[in-house]
Amino acid sequence: MRWLLPTSVLILAACAQNDNRPAFDGHKYRVKVSKVDKQRDQFVVSASPVSSSLLGAREAGRYEATKYCIKQYGTSDVAWLNGPDAEDGSLTISKDKLELRGTCAP
């Protein structure tokens, strides 16, 4: 029983870390940014679940892309190939995940 309290504290601490994600349109999203072909200026960002809110997923993707470019190049300038401002019908959505593509403009 002595292990119960420390284990509970660790579990609660892990849960609290997830709460640090910002909410977009009232929802929190799982977001991942990946380099394209090992080129750090080109990236793909995915945000899910889109079913919570397409608007929120778009903004979560935009936010993470901006953070990525600031970290890589020190600028928030993004040139979108398929970005969050695209028409609904031209967005890439698969398995409840929105995929956006862009390039950091150094």
N, C-alpha and C. Protein backbone atom coordinates (compact mmCIF):
# COMPACT_ATOMS: atom_id res chain seq x y z
N MET A 1 0.80 -1.20 0.00
CA MET A 1 0.00 0.00 0.00
C MET A 1 0.85 1.27 0.00
N ARG A 2 2.10 1.17 0.41
CA ARG A 2 2.96 2.34 0.43
C ARG A 2 3.22 2.87 -0.97
N TRP A 3 3.16 2.00 -1.96
CA TRP A 3 3.42 2.41 -3.34
C TRP A 3 2.22 3.12 -3.97
N LEU A 4 1.06 2.99 -3.37
CA LEU A 4 -0.15 3.55 -3.95
C LEU A 4 -0.10 5.08 -4.07
N LEU A 5 0.33 5.76 -3.05
CA LEU A 5 0.39 7.22 -3.08
C LEU A 5 1.39 7.74 -4.11
N PRO A 6 2.64 7.24 -4.12
CA PRO A 6 3.58 7.74 -5.15
C PRO A 6 3.11 7.42 -6.58
N THR A 7 2.52 6.27 -6.77
CA THR A 7 2.02 5.92 -8.10
C THR A 7 0.89 6.84 -8.50
N SER A 8 0.01 7.15 -7.57
CA SER A 8 -1.10 8.06 -7.86
C SER A 8 -0.59 9.45 -8.22
N VAL A 9 0.42 9.89 -7.52
CA VAL A 9 1.00 11.22 -7.80
C VAL A 9 1.59 11.25 -9.20
N LEU A 10 2.29 10.19 -9.61
CA LEU A 10 2.87 10.13 -10.94
C LEU A 10 1.79 10.13 -12.02
N ILE A 11 0.73 9.38 -11.80
CA ILE A 11 -0.36 9.33 -12.77
C ILE A 11 -1.02 10.69 -12.90
N LEU A 12 -1.27 11.35 -11.79
CA LEU A 12 -1.89 12.68 -11.84
C LEU A 12 -0.96 13.69 -12.49
N ALA A 13 0.33 13.58 -12.26
CA ALA A 13 1.28 14.49 -12.88
C ALA A 13 1.29 14.31 -14.40
N ALA A 14 1.22 13.07 -14.85
CA ALA A 14 1.18 12.80 -16.29
C ALA A 14 -0.09 13.37 -16.91
N CYS A 15 -1.20 13.25 -16.24
CA CYS A 15 -2.46 13.81 -16.73
C CYS A 15 -2.40 15.33 -16.79
N ALA A 16 -1.78 15.92 -15.81
CA ALA A 16 -1.71 17.38 -15.76
C ALA A 16 -0.87 17.92 -16.92
N GLN A 17 0.14 17.16 -17.37
CA GLN A 17 0.94 17.60 -18.50
C GLN A 17 0.11 17.72 -19.76
N ASN A 18 -0.83 16.81 -19.98
CA ASN A 18 -1.70 16.87 -21.15
C ASN A 18 -2.59 18.10 -21.12
N ASP A 19 -2.89 18.60 -19.95
CA ASP A 19 -3.75 19.76 -19.82
C ASP A 19 -3.04 21.04 -20.26
N ASN A 20 -1.73 20.98 -20.49
CA ASN A 20 -0.99 22.16 -20.94
C ASN A 20 -1.23 22.47 -22.40
N ARG A 21 -1.84 21.54 -23.14
CA ARG A 21 -2.13 21.81 -24.54
C ARG A 21 -3.19 22.89 -24.64
N PRO A 22 -3.01 23.84 -25.54
CA PRO A 22 -4.04 24.87 -25.70
C PRO A 22 -5.28 24.30 -26.37
N ALA A 23 -6.41 24.90 -26.09
CA ALA A 23 -7.67 24.49 -26.71
C ALA A 23 -7.96 25.40 -27.90
N PHE A 24 -8.53 24.82 -28.94
CA PHE A 24 -8.93 25.56 -30.13
C PHE A 24 -10.39 25.24 -30.40
N ASP A 25 -11.21 26.26 -30.52
CA ASP A 25 -12.65 26.10 -30.70
C ASP A 25 -13.23 25.22 -29.58
N GLY A 26 -12.63 25.33 -28.39
CA GLY A 26 -13.12 24.62 -27.22
C GLY A 26 -12.65 23.19 -27.08
N HIS A 27 -11.71 22.74 -27.94
CA HIS A 27 -11.25 21.35 -27.91
C HIS A 27 -9.73 21.30 -27.93
N LYS A 28 -9.18 20.20 -27.40
CA LYS A 28 -7.74 19.96 -27.44
C LYS A 28 -7.47 18.89 -28.49
N TYR A 29 -6.34 19.04 -29.18
CA TYR A 29 -6.02 18.17 -30.31
C TYR A 29 -4.67 17.51 -30.12
N ARG A 30 -4.54 16.31 -30.68
CA ARG A 30 -3.25 15.66 -30.78
C ARG A 30 -2.63 16.19 -32.08
N VAL A 31 -1.46 16.80 -31.97
CA VAL A 31 -0.84 17.44 -33.12
C VAL A 31 0.60 16.94 -33.24
N LYS A 32 0.99 16.67 -34.50
CA LYS A 32 2.34 16.19 -34.77
C LYS A 32 2.89 16.93 -35.98
N VAL A 33 4.14 17.37 -35.88
CA VAL A 33 4.82 18.02 -37.00
C VAL A 33 5.97 17.12 -37.42
N SER A 34 6.08 16.86 -38.73
CA SER A 34 7.16 16.03 -39.27
C SER A 34 7.84 16.74 -40.43
N LYS A 35 9.15 16.55 -40.53
CA LYS A 35 9.89 17.07 -41.68
C LYS A 35 9.51 16.26 -42.92
N VAL A 36 9.62 16.88 -44.09
CA VAL A 36 9.38 16.19 -45.35
C VAL A 36 10.74 15.88 -45.97
N ASP A 37 10.99 14.63 -46.26
CA ASP A 37 12.24 14.20 -46.91
C ASP A 37 13.47 14.74 -46.19
N LYS A 38 13.43 14.74 -44.87
CA LYS A 38 14.56 15.17 -44.03
C LYS A 38 14.97 16.63 -44.24
N GLN A 39 14.10 17.42 -44.86
CA GLN A 39 14.36 18.85 -45.03
C GLN A 39 13.60 19.58 -43.94
N ARG A 40 14.32 20.25 -43.08
CA ARG A 40 13.65 20.84 -41.92
C ARG A 40 12.77 22.03 -42.27
N ASP A 41 12.94 22.64 -43.44
CA ASP A 41 12.08 23.78 -43.79
C ASP A 41 10.70 23.32 -44.27
N GLN A 42 10.60 22.12 -44.83
CA GLN A 42 9.32 21.59 -45.29
C GLN A 42 8.74 20.67 -44.23
N PHE A 43 7.45 20.80 -43.99
CA PHE A 43 6.84 20.02 -42.92
C PHE A 43 5.42 19.59 -43.27
N VAL A 44 4.98 18.58 -42.55
CA VAL A 44 3.59 18.14 -42.56
C VAL A 44 3.14 18.19 -41.11
N VAL A 45 1.99 18.78 -40.88
CA VAL A 45 1.43 18.83 -39.53
C VAL A 45 0.08 18.13 -39.57
N SER A 46 -0.15 17.26 -38.59
CA SER A 46 -1.44 16.58 -38.51
C SER A 46 -2.10 16.92 -37.18
N ALA A 47 -3.42 17.06 -37.22
CA ALA A 47 -4.20 17.40 -36.02
C ALA A 47 -5.42 16.49 -35.97
N SER A 48 -5.66 15.91 -34.82
CA SER A 48 -6.82 15.05 -34.65
C SER A 48 -7.34 15.15 -33.22
N PRO A 49 -8.59 14.88 -33.02
CA PRO A 49 -9.62 14.42 -33.95
C PRO A 49 -10.34 15.59 -34.64
N VAL A 50 -10.44 15.51 -35.95
CA VAL A 50 -11.13 16.53 -36.73
C VAL A 50 -12.62 16.54 -36.39
N SER A 51 -13.14 15.39 -35.99
CA SER A 51 -14.57 15.30 -35.68
C SER A 51 -14.98 16.21 -34.53
N SER A 52 -14.03 16.63 -33.70
CA SER A 52 -14.35 17.57 -32.62
C SER A 52 -14.72 18.93 -33.19
N SER A 53 -13.92 19.41 -34.15
CA SER A 53 -14.17 20.69 -34.80
C SER A 53 -13.14 20.87 -35.91
N LEU A 54 -13.60 21.03 -37.13
CA LEU A 54 -12.69 21.28 -38.24
C LEU A 54 -11.96 22.61 -38.03
N LEU A 55 -12.69 23.62 -37.60
CA LEU A 55 -12.08 24.92 -37.33
C LEU A 55 -10.98 24.79 -36.27
N GLY A 56 -11.26 24.07 -35.21
CA GLY A 56 -10.27 23.88 -34.15
C GLY A 56 -9.05 23.12 -34.63
N ALA A 57 -9.26 22.08 -35.46
CA ALA A 57 -8.14 21.31 -35.99
C ALA A 57 -7.27 22.17 -36.90
N ARG A 58 -7.91 23.01 -37.70
CA ARG A 58 -7.15 23.94 -38.57
C ARG A 58 -6.25 24.85 -37.72
N GLU A 59 -6.83 25.43 -36.68
CA GLU A 59 -6.08 26.37 -35.85
C GLU A 59 -5.00 25.66 -35.02
N ALA A 60 -5.27 24.45 -34.58
CA ALA A 60 -4.25 23.68 -33.85
C ALA A 60 -3.07 23.39 -34.77
N GLY A 61 -3.36 23.05 -36.03
CA GLY A 61 -2.30 22.81 -37.01
C GLY A 61 -1.50 24.06 -37.30
N ARG A 62 -2.20 25.18 -37.47
CA ARG A 62 -1.52 26.46 -37.72
C ARG A 62 -0.60 26.82 -36.55
N TYR A 63 -1.10 26.64 -35.34
CA TYR A 63 -0.35 26.96 -34.12
C TYR A 63 0.94 26.13 -34.05
N GLU A 64 0.82 24.81 -34.27
CA GLU A 64 1.99 23.94 -34.18
C GLU A 64 2.99 24.23 -35.30
N ALA A 65 2.50 24.54 -36.49
CA ALA A 65 3.40 24.90 -37.60
C ALA A 65 4.17 26.17 -37.27
N THR A 66 3.49 27.13 -36.70
CA THR A 66 4.14 28.39 -36.32
C THR A 66 5.21 28.13 -35.27
N LYS A 67 4.89 27.33 -34.26
CA LYS A 67 5.87 26.98 -33.23
C LYS A 67 7.08 26.27 -33.85
N TYR A 68 6.81 25.36 -34.77
CA TYR A 68 7.88 24.60 -35.43
C TYR A 68 8.82 25.55 -36.17
N CYS A 69 8.27 26.46 -36.96
CA CYS A 69 9.10 27.39 -37.75
C CYS A 69 9.88 28.34 -36.85
N ILE A 70 9.28 28.77 -35.77
CA ILE A 70 10.00 29.63 -34.82
C ILE A 70 11.18 28.86 -34.23
N LYS A 71 10.95 27.62 -33.86
CA LYS A 71 12.02 26.80 -33.28
C LYS A 71 13.13 26.53 -34.30
N GLN A 72 12.78 26.25 -35.55
CA GLN A 72 13.76 25.90 -36.57
C GLN A 72 14.49 27.12 -37.14
N TYR A 73 13.74 28.23 -37.36
CA TYR A 73 14.30 29.37 -38.08
C TYR A 73 14.18 30.71 -37.36
N GLY A 74 13.50 30.74 -36.24
CA GLY A 74 13.35 31.99 -35.52
C GLY A 74 12.33 32.94 -36.13
N THR A 75 11.50 32.43 -37.03
CA THR A 75 10.46 33.25 -37.66
C THR A 75 9.15 32.48 -37.69
N SER A 76 8.06 33.21 -37.67
CA SER A 76 6.75 32.57 -37.71
C SER A 76 6.18 32.54 -39.12
N ASP A 77 6.97 32.91 -40.11
CA ASP A 77 6.49 32.94 -41.49
C ASP A 77 6.36 31.53 -42.05
N VAL A 78 5.16 31.22 -42.54
CA VAL A 78 4.88 29.92 -43.14
C VAL A 78 4.30 30.14 -44.53
N ALA A 79 4.85 29.46 -45.51
CA ALA A 79 4.28 29.43 -46.85
C ALA A 79 3.53 28.11 -46.96
N TRP A 80 2.22 28.17 -47.01
CA TRP A 80 1.38 26.97 -47.00
C TRP A 80 1.24 26.39 -48.41
N LEU A 81 1.40 25.08 -48.52
CA LEU A 81 1.11 24.36 -49.75
C LEU A 81 -0.33 23.88 -49.70
N ASN A 82 -0.73 23.38 -48.56
CA ASN A 82 -2.10 22.96 -48.28
C ASN A 82 -2.35 23.36 -46.83
N GLY A 83 -2.81 24.59 -46.64
CA GLY A 83 -2.85 25.15 -45.31
C GLY A 83 -4.23 25.24 -44.69
N PRO A 84 -4.27 25.81 -43.51
CA PRO A 84 -5.51 25.89 -42.74
C PRO A 84 -6.55 26.82 -43.35
N ASP A 85 -6.15 27.68 -44.28
CA ASP A 85 -7.11 28.59 -44.90
C ASP A 85 -7.69 28.05 -46.21
N ALA A 86 -7.31 26.84 -46.58
CA ALA A 86 -7.81 26.23 -47.82
C ALA A 86 -9.31 25.95 -47.70
N GLU A 87 -9.97 25.84 -48.83
CA GLU A 87 -11.40 25.49 -48.87
C GLU A 87 -11.60 24.13 -48.21
N ASP A 88 -12.74 23.95 -47.57
CA ASP A 88 -13.03 22.68 -46.89
C ASP A 88 -12.81 21.47 -47.80
N GLY A 89 -13.28 21.55 -49.03
CA GLY A 89 -13.19 20.42 -49.95
C GLY A 89 -11.78 20.09 -50.40
N SER A 90 -10.83 21.00 -50.24
CA SER A 90 -9.46 20.74 -50.67
C SER A 90 -8.54 20.31 -49.53
N LEU A 91 -9.07 20.23 -48.32
CA LEU A 91 -8.26 19.79 -47.18
C LEU A 91 -8.06 18.28 -47.22
N THR A 92 -6.93 17.83 -46.72
CA THR A 92 -6.64 16.40 -46.63
C THR A 92 -7.05 15.91 -45.26
N ILE A 93 -8.12 15.10 -45.22
CA ILE A 93 -8.62 14.53 -43.96
C ILE A 93 -8.75 13.03 -44.16
N SER A 94 -8.12 12.27 -43.26
CA SER A 94 -8.18 10.82 -43.32
C SER A 94 -8.14 10.28 -41.91
N LYS A 95 -9.01 9.32 -41.62
CA LYS A 95 -9.06 8.67 -40.30
C LYS A 95 -9.15 9.69 -39.18
N ASP A 96 -10.02 10.69 -39.36
CA ASP A 96 -10.28 11.72 -38.35
C ASP A 96 -9.07 12.59 -38.05
N LYS A 97 -8.15 12.69 -39.05
CA LYS A 97 -6.92 13.47 -38.89
C LYS A 97 -6.80 14.45 -40.05
N LEU A 98 -6.57 15.71 -39.73
CA LEU A 98 -6.33 16.75 -40.72
C LEU A 98 -4.83 16.84 -40.98
N GLU A 99 -4.45 16.89 -42.27
CA GLU A 99 -3.05 17.01 -42.63
C GLU A 99 -2.83 18.30 -43.40
N LEU A 100 -1.89 19.10 -42.92
CA LEU A 100 -1.54 20.36 -43.56
C LEU A 100 -0.07 20.29 -43.97
N ARG A 101 0.29 20.97 -45.06
CA ARG A 101 1.67 21.00 -45.55
C ARG A 101 2.12 22.43 -45.75
N GLY A 102 3.38 22.67 -45.39
CA GLY A 102 3.91 24.00 -45.57
C GLY A 102 5.42 24.03 -45.56
N THR A 103 5.94 25.23 -45.72
CA THR A 103 7.38 25.46 -45.71
C THR A 103 7.65 26.68 -44.82
N CYS A 104 8.66 26.53 -43.97
CA CYS A 104 9.09 27.67 -43.16
C CYS A 104 9.84 28.63 -44.07
N ALA A 105 9.52 29.88 -43.96
CA ALA A 105 10.18 30.91 -44.78
C ALA A 105 11.24 31.60 -43.94
N PRO A 106 12.51 31.16 -44.06
CA PRO A 106 13.58 31.74 -43.23
C PRO A 106 13.92 33.16 -43.62
